Amino acid sequence: MVESHEELRRENAGLRTALAEGGQRIRALDSDLIAANQRRQDAYKRIDELISHLDQLDAQLAEAGE
């Protein structure tokens, strides 16, 4: 019974370590996801600005061609 108790204590300690490592991994992945979402939003903003600029150039070219 003592051996079983010691084995369960070691297993419990191992599971607690694995749980802590999993929590750290989740926090790291959350941070990565937040950064990726920010980069995606920045890219959308730059694309919208480029499209707006192209629309302005297209309008200027149309006026010049008239």
PDB file of N, CA and C in Angstrom:
ATOM      1  N   MET A   1       0.817  -1.189   0.000  1.00  0.00           N
ATOM      2  CA  MET A   1       0.000   0.000   0.000  1.00  0.00           C
ATOM      3  C   MET A   1       0.869   1.265   0.000  1.00  0.00           C
ATOM      4  N   VAL A   2       1.980   1.217   0.706  1.00  0.00           N
ATOM      5  CA  VAL A   2       2.888   2.365   0.741  1.00  0.00           C
ATOM      6  C   VAL A   2       3.469   2.603  -0.649  1.00  0.00           C
ATOM      7  N   GLU A   3       3.824   1.526  -1.311  1.00  0.00           N
ATOM      8  CA  GLU A   3       4.381   1.661  -2.672  1.00  0.00           C
ATOM      9  C   GLU A   3       3.341   2.263  -3.608  1.00  0.00           C
ATOM     10  N   SER A   4       2.128   1.823  -3.494  1.00  0.00           N
ATOM     11  CA  SER A   4       1.049   2.357  -4.336  1.00  0.00           C
ATOM     12  C   SER A   4       0.848   3.845  -4.060  1.00  0.00           C
ATOM     13  N   HIS A   5       0.893   4.200  -2.795  1.00  0.00           N
ATOM     14  CA  HIS A   5       0.734   5.607  -2.420  1.00  0.00           C
ATOM     15  C   HIS A   5       1.870   6.459  -3.001  1.00  0.00           C
ATOM     16  N   GLU A   6       3.090   5.987  -2.906  1.00  0.00           N
ATOM     17  CA  GLU A   6       4.240   6.724  -3.453  1.00  0.00           C
ATOM     18  C   GLU A   6       4.134   6.826  -4.974  1.00  0.00           C
ATOM     19  N   GLU A   7       3.704   5.770  -5.608  1.00  0.00           N
ATOM     20  CA  GLU A   7       3.549   5.787  -7.071  1.00  0.00           C
ATOM     21  C   GLU A   7       2.487   6.803  -7.468  1.00  0.00           C
ATOM     22  N   LEU A   8       1.390   6.836  -6.736  1.00  0.00           N
ATOM     23  CA  LEU A   8       0.338   7.809  -7.031  1.00  0.00           C
ATOM     24  C   LEU A   8       0.813   9.238  -6.783  1.00  0.00           C
ATOM     25  N   ARG A   9       1.619   9.438  -5.773  1.00  0.00           N
ATOM     26  CA  ARG A   9       2.166  10.781  -5.520  1.00  0.00           C
ATOM     27  C   ARG A   9       3.063  11.226  -6.664  1.00  0.00           C
ATOM     28  N   ARG A  10       3.906  10.299  -7.156  1.00  0.00           N
ATOM     29  CA  ARG A  10       4.785  10.637  -8.295  1.00  0.00           C
ATOM     30  C   ARG A  10       3.952  10.926  -9.539  1.00  0.00           C
ATOM     31  N   GLU A  11       2.940  10.114  -9.769  1.00  0.00           N
ATOM     32  CA  GLU A  11       2.073  10.322 -10.929  1.00  0.00           C
ATOM     33  C   GLU A  11       1.347  11.667 -10.814  1.00  0.00           C
ATOM     34  N   ASN A  12       0.869  11.983  -9.618  1.00  0.00           N
ATOM     35  CA  ASN A  12       0.195  13.257  -9.371  1.00  0.00           C
ATOM     36  C   ASN A  12       1.144  14.419  -9.656  1.00  0.00           C
ATOM     37  N   ALA A  13       2.367  14.326  -9.185  1.00  0.00           N
ATOM     38  CA  ALA A  13       3.349  15.384  -9.424  1.00  0.00           C
ATOM     39  C   ALA A  13       3.609  15.541 -10.922  1.00  0.00           C
ATOM     40  N   GLY A  14       3.720  14.419 -11.623  1.00  0.00           N
ATOM     41  CA  GLY A  14       3.931  14.477 -13.067  1.00  0.00           C
ATOM     42  C   GLY A  14       2.759  15.113 -13.791  1.00  0.00           C
ATOM     43  N   LEU A  15       1.557  14.780 -13.354  1.00  0.00           N
ATOM     44  CA  LEU A  15       0.369  15.369 -13.973  1.00  0.00           C
ATOM     45  C   LEU A  15       0.274  16.861 -13.689  1.00  0.00           C
ATOM     46  N   ARG A  16       0.640  17.266 -12.492  1.00  0.00           N
ATOM     47  CA  ARG A  16       0.630  18.697 -12.171  1.00  0.00           C
ATOM     48  C   ARG A  16       1.645  19.465 -13.025  1.00  0.00           C
ATOM     49  N   THR A  17       2.806  18.855 -13.237  1.00  0.00           N
ATOM     50  CA  THR A  17       3.821  19.479 -14.089  1.00  0.00           C
ATOM     51  C   THR A  17       3.312  19.590 -15.526  1.00  0.00           C
ATOM     52  N   ALA A  18       2.707  18.507 -16.023  1.00  0.00           N
ATOM     53  CA  ALA A  18       2.171  18.522 -17.388  1.00  0.00           C
ATOM     54  C   ALA A  18       1.070  19.571 -17.518  1.00  0.00           C
ATOM     55  N   LEU A  19       0.235  19.686 -16.505  1.00  0.00           N
ATOM     56  CA  LEU A  19      -0.832  20.680 -16.533  1.00  0.00           C
ATOM     57  C   LEU A  19      -0.261  22.097 -16.561  1.00  0.00           C
ATOM     58  N   ALA A  20       0.746  22.347 -15.760  1.00  0.00           N
ATOM     59  CA  ALA A  20       1.378  23.673 -15.739  1.00  0.00           C
ATOM     60  C   ALA A  20       2.015  23.984 -17.088  1.00  0.00           C
ATOM     61  N   GLU A  21       2.682  22.999 -17.675  1.00  0.00           N
ATOM     62  CA  GLU A  21       3.299  23.205 -18.985  1.00  0.00           C
ATOM     63  C   GLU A  21       2.237  23.456 -20.047  1.00  0.00           C
ATOM     64  N   GLY A  22       1.129  22.729 -19.955  1.00  0.00           N
ATOM     65  CA  GLY A  22       0.032  22.948 -20.901  1.00  0.00           C
ATOM     66  C   GLY A  22      -0.540  24.345 -20.770  1.00  0.00           C
ATOM     67  N   GLY A  23      -0.674  24.818 -19.539  1.00  0.00           N
ATOM     68  CA  GLY A  23      -1.171  26.176 -19.329  1.00  0.00           C
ATOM     69  C   GLY A  23      -0.241  27.222 -19.909  1.00  0.00           C
ATOM     70  N   GLN A  24       1.059  27.010 -19.739  1.00  0.00           N
ATOM     71  CA  GLN A  24       2.035  27.939 -20.315  1.00  0.00           C
ATOM     72  C   GLN A  24       1.946  27.923 -21.837  1.00  0.00           C
ATOM     73  N   ARG A  25       1.783  26.743 -22.408  1.00  0.00           N
ATOM     74  CA  ARG A  25       1.678  26.616 -23.872  1.00  0.00           C
ATOM     75  C   ARG A  25       0.434  27.339 -24.379  1.00  0.00           C
ATOM     76  N   ILE A  26      -0.662  27.186 -23.663  1.00  0.00           N
ATOM     77  CA  ILE A  26      -1.903  27.860 -24.059  1.00  0.00           C
ATOM     78  C   ILE A  26      -1.723  29.371 -24.015  1.00  0.00           C
ATOM     79  N   ARG A  27      -1.088  29.878 -22.960  1.00  0.00           N
ATOM     80  CA  ARG A  27      -0.860  31.324 -22.864  1.00  0.00           C
ATOM     81  C   ARG A  27       0.034  31.821 -24.005  1.00  0.00           C
ATOM     82  N   ALA A  28       1.050  31.035 -24.352  1.00  0.00           N
ATOM     83  CA  ALA A  28       1.934  31.423 -25.454  1.00  0.00           C
ATOM     84  C   ALA A  28       1.172  31.440 -26.777  1.00  0.00           C
ATOM     85  N   LEU A  29       0.333  30.425 -26.994  1.00  0.00           N
ATOM     86  CA  LEU A  29      -0.449  30.367 -28.235  1.00  0.00           C
ATOM     87  C   LEU A  29      -1.471  31.499 -28.295  1.00  0.00           C
ATOM     88  N   ASP A  30      -2.071  31.835 -27.160  1.00  0.00           N
ATOM     89  CA  ASP A  30      -2.996  32.977 -27.122  1.00  0.00           C
ATOM     90  C   ASP A  30      -2.277  34.260 -27.516  1.00  0.00           C
ATOM     91  N   SER A  31      -1.079  34.435 -26.999  1.00  0.00           N
ATOM     92  CA  SER A  31      -0.294  35.620 -27.329  1.00  0.00           C
ATOM     93  C   SER A  31       0.034  35.650 -28.824  1.00  0.00           C
ATOM     94  N   ASP A  32       0.418  34.501 -29.368  1.00  0.00           N
ATOM     95  CA  ASP A  32       0.705  34.410 -30.801  1.00  0.00           C
ATOM     96  C   ASP A  32      -0.537  34.729 -31.626  1.00  0.00           C
ATOM     97  N   LEU A  33      -1.688  34.242 -31.183  1.00  0.00           N
ATOM     98  CA  LEU A  33      -2.936  34.488 -31.903  1.00  0.00           C
ATOM     99  C   LEU A  33      -3.292  35.969 -31.895  1.00  0.00           C
ATOM    100  N   ILE A  34      -3.109  36.616 -30.764  1.00  0.00           N
ATOM    101  CA  ILE A  34      -3.390  38.049 -30.671  1.00  0.00           C
ATOM    102  C   ILE A  34      -2.479  38.826 -31.622  1.00  0.00           C
ATOM    103  N   ALA A  35      -1.204  38.463 -31.643  1.00  0.00           N
ATOM    104  CA  ALA A  35      -0.253  39.141 -32.541  1.00  0.00           C
ATOM    105  C   ALA A  35      -0.615  38.897 -34.010  1.00  0.00           C
ATOM    106  N   ALA A  36      -1.005  37.672 -34.339  1.00  0.00           N
ATOM    107  CA  ALA A  36      -1.380  37.362 -35.718  1.00  0.00           C
ATOM    108  C   ALA A  36      -2.636  38.130 -36.129  1.00  0.00           C
ATOM    109  N   ASN A  37      -3.588  38.235 -35.235  1.00  0.00           N
ATOM    110  CA  ASN A  37      -4.798  39.002 -35.536  1.00  0.00           C
ATOM    111  C   ASN A  37      -4.481  40.473 -35.744  1.00  0.00           C
ATOM    112  N   GLN A  38      -3.558  41.003 -34.964  1.00  0.00           N
ATOM    113  CA  GLN A  38      -3.169  42.402 -35.135  1.00  0.00           C
ATOM    114  C   GLN A  38      -2.494  42.612 -36.493  1.00  0.00           C
ATOM    115  N   ARG A  39      -1.614  41.680 -36.867  1.00  0.00           N
ATOM    116  CA  ARG A  39      -0.959  41.785 -38.183  1.00  0.00           C
ATOM    117  C   ARG A  39      -1.984  41.695 -39.309  1.00  0.00           C
ATOM    118  N   ARG A  40      -2.987  40.829 -39.138  1.00  0.00           N
ATOM    119  CA  ARG A  40      -4.030  40.687 -40.153  1.00  0.00           C
ATOM    120  C   ARG A  40      -4.821  41.984 -40.270  1.00  0.00           C
ATOM    121  N   GLN A  41      -5.186  42.582 -39.153  1.00  0.00           N
ATOM    122  CA  GLN A  41      -5.914  43.845 -39.185  1.00  0.00           C
ATOM    123  C   GLN A  41      -5.077  44.945 -39.826  1.00  0.00           C
ATOM    124  N   ASP A  42      -3.795  44.977 -39.518  1.00  0.00           N
ATOM    125  CA  ASP A  42      -2.900  45.966 -40.138  1.00  0.00           C
ATOM    126  C   ASP A  42      -2.833  45.765 -41.649  1.00  0.00           C
ATOM    127  N   ALA A  43      -2.778  44.508 -42.071  1.00  0.00           N
ATOM    128  CA  ALA A  43      -2.721  44.214 -43.509  1.00  0.00           C
ATOM    129  C   ALA A  43      -4.011  44.658 -44.195  1.00  0.00           C
ATOM    130  N   TYR A  44      -5.166  44.376 -43.573  1.00  0.00           N
ATOM    131  CA  TYR A  44      -6.444  44.826 -44.149  1.00  0.00           C
ATOM    132  C   TYR A  44      -6.475  46.342 -44.287  1.00  0.00           C
ATOM    133  N   LYS A  45      -5.983  47.020 -43.274  1.00  0.00           N
ATOM    134  CA  LYS A  45      -5.976  48.482 -43.314  1.00  0.00           C
ATOM    135  C   LYS A  45      -5.098  48.986 -44.461  1.00  0.00           C
ATOM    136  N   ARG A  46      -3.911  48.390 -44.606  1.00  0.00           N
ATOM    137  CA  ARG A  46      -3.018  48.817 -45.695  1.00  0.00           C
ATOM    138  C   ARG A  46      -3.643  48.523 -47.059  1.00  0.00           C
ATOM    139  N   ILE A  47      -4.299  47.382 -47.187  1.00  0.00           N
ATOM    140  CA  ILE A  47      -4.946  47.035 -48.462  1.00  0.00           C
ATOM    141  C   ILE A  47      -6.063  48.020 -48.767  1.00  0.00           C
ATOM    142  N   ASP A  48      -6.873  48.360 -47.757  1.00  0.00           N
ATOM    143  CA  ASP A  48      -7.942  49.339 -47.962  1.00  0.00           C
ATOM    144  C   ASP A  48      -7.373  50.688 -48.394  1.00  0.00           C
ATOM    145  N   GLU A  49      -6.276  51.095 -47.781  1.00  0.00           N
ATOM    146  CA  GLU A  49      -5.647  52.357 -48.152  1.00  0.00           C
ATOM    147  C   GLU A  49      -5.125  52.315 -49.586  1.00  0.00           C
ATOM    148  N   LEU A  50      -4.540  51.192 -49.977  1.00  0.00           N
ATOM    149  CA  LEU A  50      -4.051  51.050 -51.355  1.00  0.00           C
ATOM    150  C   LEU A  50      -5.202  51.074 -52.359  1.00  0.00           C
ATOM    151  N   ILE A  51      -6.283  50.413 -52.036  1.00  0.00           N
ATOM    152  CA  ILE A  51      -7.449  50.420 -52.933  1.00  0.00           C
ATOM    153  C   ILE A  51      -8.003  51.828 -53.059  1.00  0.00           C
ATOM    154  N   SER A  52      -8.070  52.542 -51.951  1.00  0.00           N
ATOM    155  CA  SER A  52      -8.546  53.920 -51.983  1.00  0.00           C
ATOM    156  C   SER A  52      -7.632  54.781 -52.850  1.00  0.00           C
ATOM    157  N   HIS A  53      -6.341  54.581 -52.698  1.00  0.00           N
ATOM    158  CA  HIS A  53      -5.381  55.345 -53.502  1.00  0.00           C
ATOM    159  C   HIS A  53      -5.534  55.005 -54.988  1.00  0.00           C
ATOM    160  N   LEU A  54      -5.722  53.742 -55.301  1.00  0.00           N
ATOM    161  CA  LEU A  54      -5.923  53.345 -56.696  1.00  0.00           C
ATOM    162  C   LEU A  54      -7.201  53.955 -57.263  1.00  0.00           C
ATOM    163  N   ASP A  55      -8.254  53.998 -56.449  1.00  0.00           N
ATOM    164  CA  ASP A  55      -9.501  54.618 -56.891  1.00  0.00           C
ATOM    165  C   ASP A  55      -9.290  56.095 -57.190  1.00  0.00           C
ATOM    166  N   GLN A  56      -8.508  56.783 -56.346  1.00  0.00           N
ATOM    167  CA  GLN A  56      -8.220  58.200 -56.577  1.00  0.00           C
ATOM    168  C   GLN A  56      -7.429  58.386 -57.866  1.00  0.00           C
ATOM    169  N   LEU A  57      -6.435  57.531 -58.064  1.00  0.00           N
ATOM    170  CA  LEU A  57      -5.643  57.618 -59.306  1.00  0.00           C
ATOM    171  C   LEU A  57      -6.495  57.332 -60.520  1.00  0.00           C
ATOM    172  N   ASP A  58      -7.396  56.372 -60.403  1.00  0.00           N
ATOM    173  CA  ASP A  58      -8.273  56.041 -61.511  1.00  0.00           C
ATOM    174  C   ASP A  58      -9.189  57.233 -61.847  1.00  0.00           C
ATOM    175  N   ALA A  59      -9.682  57.901 -60.813  1.00  0.00           N
ATOM    176  CA  ALA A  59     -10.531  59.058 -61.031  1.00  0.00           C
ATOM    177  C   ALA A  59      -9.752  60.194 -61.672  1.00  0.00           C
ATOM    178  N   GLN A  60      -8.521  60.398 -61.234  1.00  0.00           N
ATOM    179  CA  GLN A  60      -7.673  61.456 -61.818  1.00  0.00           C
ATOM    180  C   GLN A  60      -7.376  61.146 -63.283  1.00  0.00           C
ATOM    181  N   LEU A  61      -7.101  59.900 -63.593  1.00  0.00           N
ATOM    182  CA  LEU A  61      -6.829  59.524 -64.981  1.00  0.00           C
ATOM    183  C   LEU A  61      -8.077  59.691 -65.845  1.00  0.00           C
ATOM    184  N   ALA A  62      -9.227  59.407 -65.289  1.00  0.00           N
ATOM    185  CA  ALA A  62     -10.469  59.566 -66.043  1.00  0.00           C
ATOM    186  C   ALA A  62     -10.729  61.041 -66.323  1.00  0.00           C
ATOM    187  N   GLU A  63     -10.452  61.898 -65.349  1.00  0.00           N
ATOM    188  CA  GLU A  63     -10.632  63.344 -65.554  1.00  0.00           C
ATOM    189  C   GLU A  63      -9.638  63.863 -66.573  1.00  0.00           C
ATOM    190  N   ALA A  64      -8.427  63.371 -66.544  1.00  0.00           N
ATOM    191  CA  ALA A  64      -7.397  63.830 -67.485  1.00  0.00           C
ATOM    192  C   ALA A  64      -7.712  63.361 -68.891  1.00  0.00           C
ATOM    193  N   GLY A  65      -8.375  62.243 -69.026  1.00  0.00           N
ATOM    194  CA  GLY A  65      -8.695  61.706 -70.347  1.00  0.00           C
ATOM    195  C   GLY A  65      -9.893  62.362 -70.985  1.00  0.00           C
ATOM    196  N   GLU A  66     -10.647  63.093 -70.194  1.00  0.00           N
ATOM    197  CA  GLU A  66     -11.860  63.732 -70.741  1.00  0.00           C
ATOM    198  C   GLU A  66     -11.548  64.963 -71.474  1.00  0.00           C
TER     199      GLU A  66
END
